[in-house]
Amino acid sequence: MVADSKLSRSNGGFMIIFGVVLLIIGFITGIAIVWTIGTIVLVVGLVLWLFGALGHAVGGRRHYY
């Protein structure tokens, strides 16, 4: 199960994985909206991961898992 992996419990880890999957699907199928959504989800996941790694609380929460 994905929720049990260490990466998905880290800040933004699930969003990073989901964004990469959407990017791959969008690239293979040629659907531009999936590619765009994947890019947005990936960037948001990376920002959450970065803020969590730096120890900053985002949105009033210190941990996102």
C-alpha atoms as a PDB file:
ATOM      1  CA  MET A   1       0.000   0.000   0.000  1.00  0.00           C
ATOM      2  CA  VAL A   2       1.359   3.430  -0.929  1.00  0.00           C
ATOM      3  CA  ALA A   3       0.380   5.050   2.389  1.00  0.00           C
ATOM      4  CA  ASP A   4       2.783   2.762   4.256  1.00  0.00           C
ATOM      5  CA  SER A   5       5.906   3.818   2.380  1.00  0.00           C
ATOM      6  CA  LYS A   6       8.308   6.260   3.988  1.00  0.00           C
ATOM      7  CA  LEU A   7       8.329   8.575   0.961  1.00  0.00           C
ATOM      8  CA  SER A   8       4.562   9.037   0.976  1.00  0.00           C
ATOM      9  CA  ARG A   9       4.674  10.030   4.649  1.00  0.00           C
ATOM     10  CA  SER A  10       7.242  12.717   4.015  1.00  0.00           C
ATOM     11  CA  ASN A  11       6.154  16.269   3.249  1.00  0.00           C
ATOM     12  CA  GLY A  12       4.697  16.303  -0.228  1.00  0.00           C
ATOM     13  CA  GLY A  13       5.998  12.812  -1.040  1.00  0.00           C
ATOM     14  CA  PHE A  14       2.689  11.514  -2.309  1.00  0.00           C
ATOM     15  CA  MET A  15       2.172  14.619  -4.426  1.00  0.00           C
ATOM     16  CA  ILE A  16       5.623  14.234  -5.975  1.00  0.00           C
ATOM     17  CA  ILE A  17       4.946  10.613  -6.923  1.00  0.00           C
ATOM     18  CA  PHE A  18       1.468  11.455  -8.226  1.00  0.00           C
ATOM     19  CA  GLY A  19       2.836  14.371 -10.253  1.00  0.00           C
ATOM     20  CA  VAL A  20       5.503  12.211 -11.876  1.00  0.00           C
ATOM     21  CA  VAL A  21       2.914   9.545 -12.737  1.00  0.00           C
ATOM     22  CA  LEU A  22       0.664  12.173 -14.312  1.00  0.00           C
ATOM     23  CA  LEU A  23       3.607  13.582 -16.271  1.00  0.00           C
ATOM     24  CA  ILE A  24       4.457  10.143 -17.630  1.00  0.00           C
ATOM     25  CA  ILE A  25       0.841   9.385 -18.548  1.00  0.00           C
ATOM     26  CA  GLY A  26       0.441  12.793 -20.181  1.00  0.00           C
ATOM     27  CA  PHE A  27       3.653  12.365 -22.157  1.00  0.00           C
ATOM     28  CA  ILE A  28       2.782   8.865 -23.377  1.00  0.00           C
ATOM     29  CA  THR A  29      -0.821   9.648 -24.319  1.00  0.00           C
ATOM     30  CA  GLY A  30      -0.177  13.169 -25.586  1.00  0.00           C
ATOM     31  CA  ILE A  31      -2.952  14.671 -23.455  1.00  0.00           C
ATOM     32  CA  ALA A  32      -1.847  18.213 -22.646  1.00  0.00           C
ATOM     33  CA  ILE A  33      -4.177  18.762 -19.655  1.00  0.00           C
ATOM     34  CA  VAL A  34      -2.788  15.680 -17.864  1.00  0.00           C
ATOM     35  CA  TRP A  35       0.744  16.956 -18.510  1.00  0.00           C
ATOM     36  CA  THR A  36      -0.198  20.397 -17.116  1.00  0.00           C
ATOM     37  CA  ILE A  37      -1.904  19.002 -14.008  1.00  0.00           C
ATOM     38  CA  GLY A  38       1.075  16.689 -13.428  1.00  0.00           C
ATOM     39  CA  THR A  39       3.454  19.644 -13.589  1.00  0.00           C
ATOM     40  CA  ILE A  40       1.370  21.648 -11.101  1.00  0.00           C
ATOM     41  CA  VAL A  41       1.040  18.733  -8.676  1.00  0.00           C
ATOM     42  CA  LEU A  42       4.768  18.011  -8.916  1.00  0.00           C
ATOM     43  CA  VAL A  43       5.723  21.640  -8.195  1.00  0.00           C
ATOM     44  CA  VAL A  44       3.344  21.856  -5.210  1.00  0.00           C
ATOM     45  CA  GLY A  45       4.732  18.566  -3.864  1.00  0.00           C
ATOM     46  CA  LEU A  46       8.297  19.798  -4.217  1.00  0.00           C
ATOM     47  CA  VAL A  47       7.463  23.057  -2.423  1.00  0.00           C
ATOM     48  CA  LEU A  48       5.810  21.175   0.456  1.00  0.00           C
ATOM     49  CA  TRP A  49       8.747  18.790   0.645  1.00  0.00           C
ATOM     50  CA  LEU A  50      11.231  21.676   0.651  1.00  0.00           C
ATOM     51  CA  PHE A  51       9.403  23.603   3.382  1.00  0.00           C
ATOM     52  CA  GLY A  52       9.066  20.437   5.455  1.00  0.00           C
ATOM     53  CA  ALA A  53      12.763  19.655   5.062  1.00  0.00           C
ATOM     54  CA  LEU A  54      13.619  23.161   6.245  1.00  0.00           C
ATOM     55  CA  GLY A  55      11.378  22.760   9.282  1.00  0.00           C
ATOM     56  CA  HIS A  56       8.829  25.402   8.303  1.00  0.00           C
ATOM     57  CA  ALA A  57       5.159  24.920   9.087  1.00  0.00           C
ATOM     58  CA  VAL A  58       2.992  25.364   6.003  1.00  0.00           C
ATOM     59  CA  GLY A  59      -0.696  26.145   6.400  1.00  0.00           C
ATOM     60  CA  GLY A  60      -0.496  25.841  10.170  1.00  0.00           C
ATOM     61  CA  ARG A  61       0.777  22.268  10.051  1.00  0.00           C
ATOM     62  CA  ARG A  62       4.309  21.120  10.641  1.00  0.00           C
ATOM     63  CA  HIS A  63       3.800  17.643   9.132  1.00  0.00           C
ATOM     64  CA  TYR A  64       1.804  16.503   6.105  1.00  0.00           C
ATOM     65  CA  TYR A  65       1.239  12.794   6.646  1.00  0.00           C
END
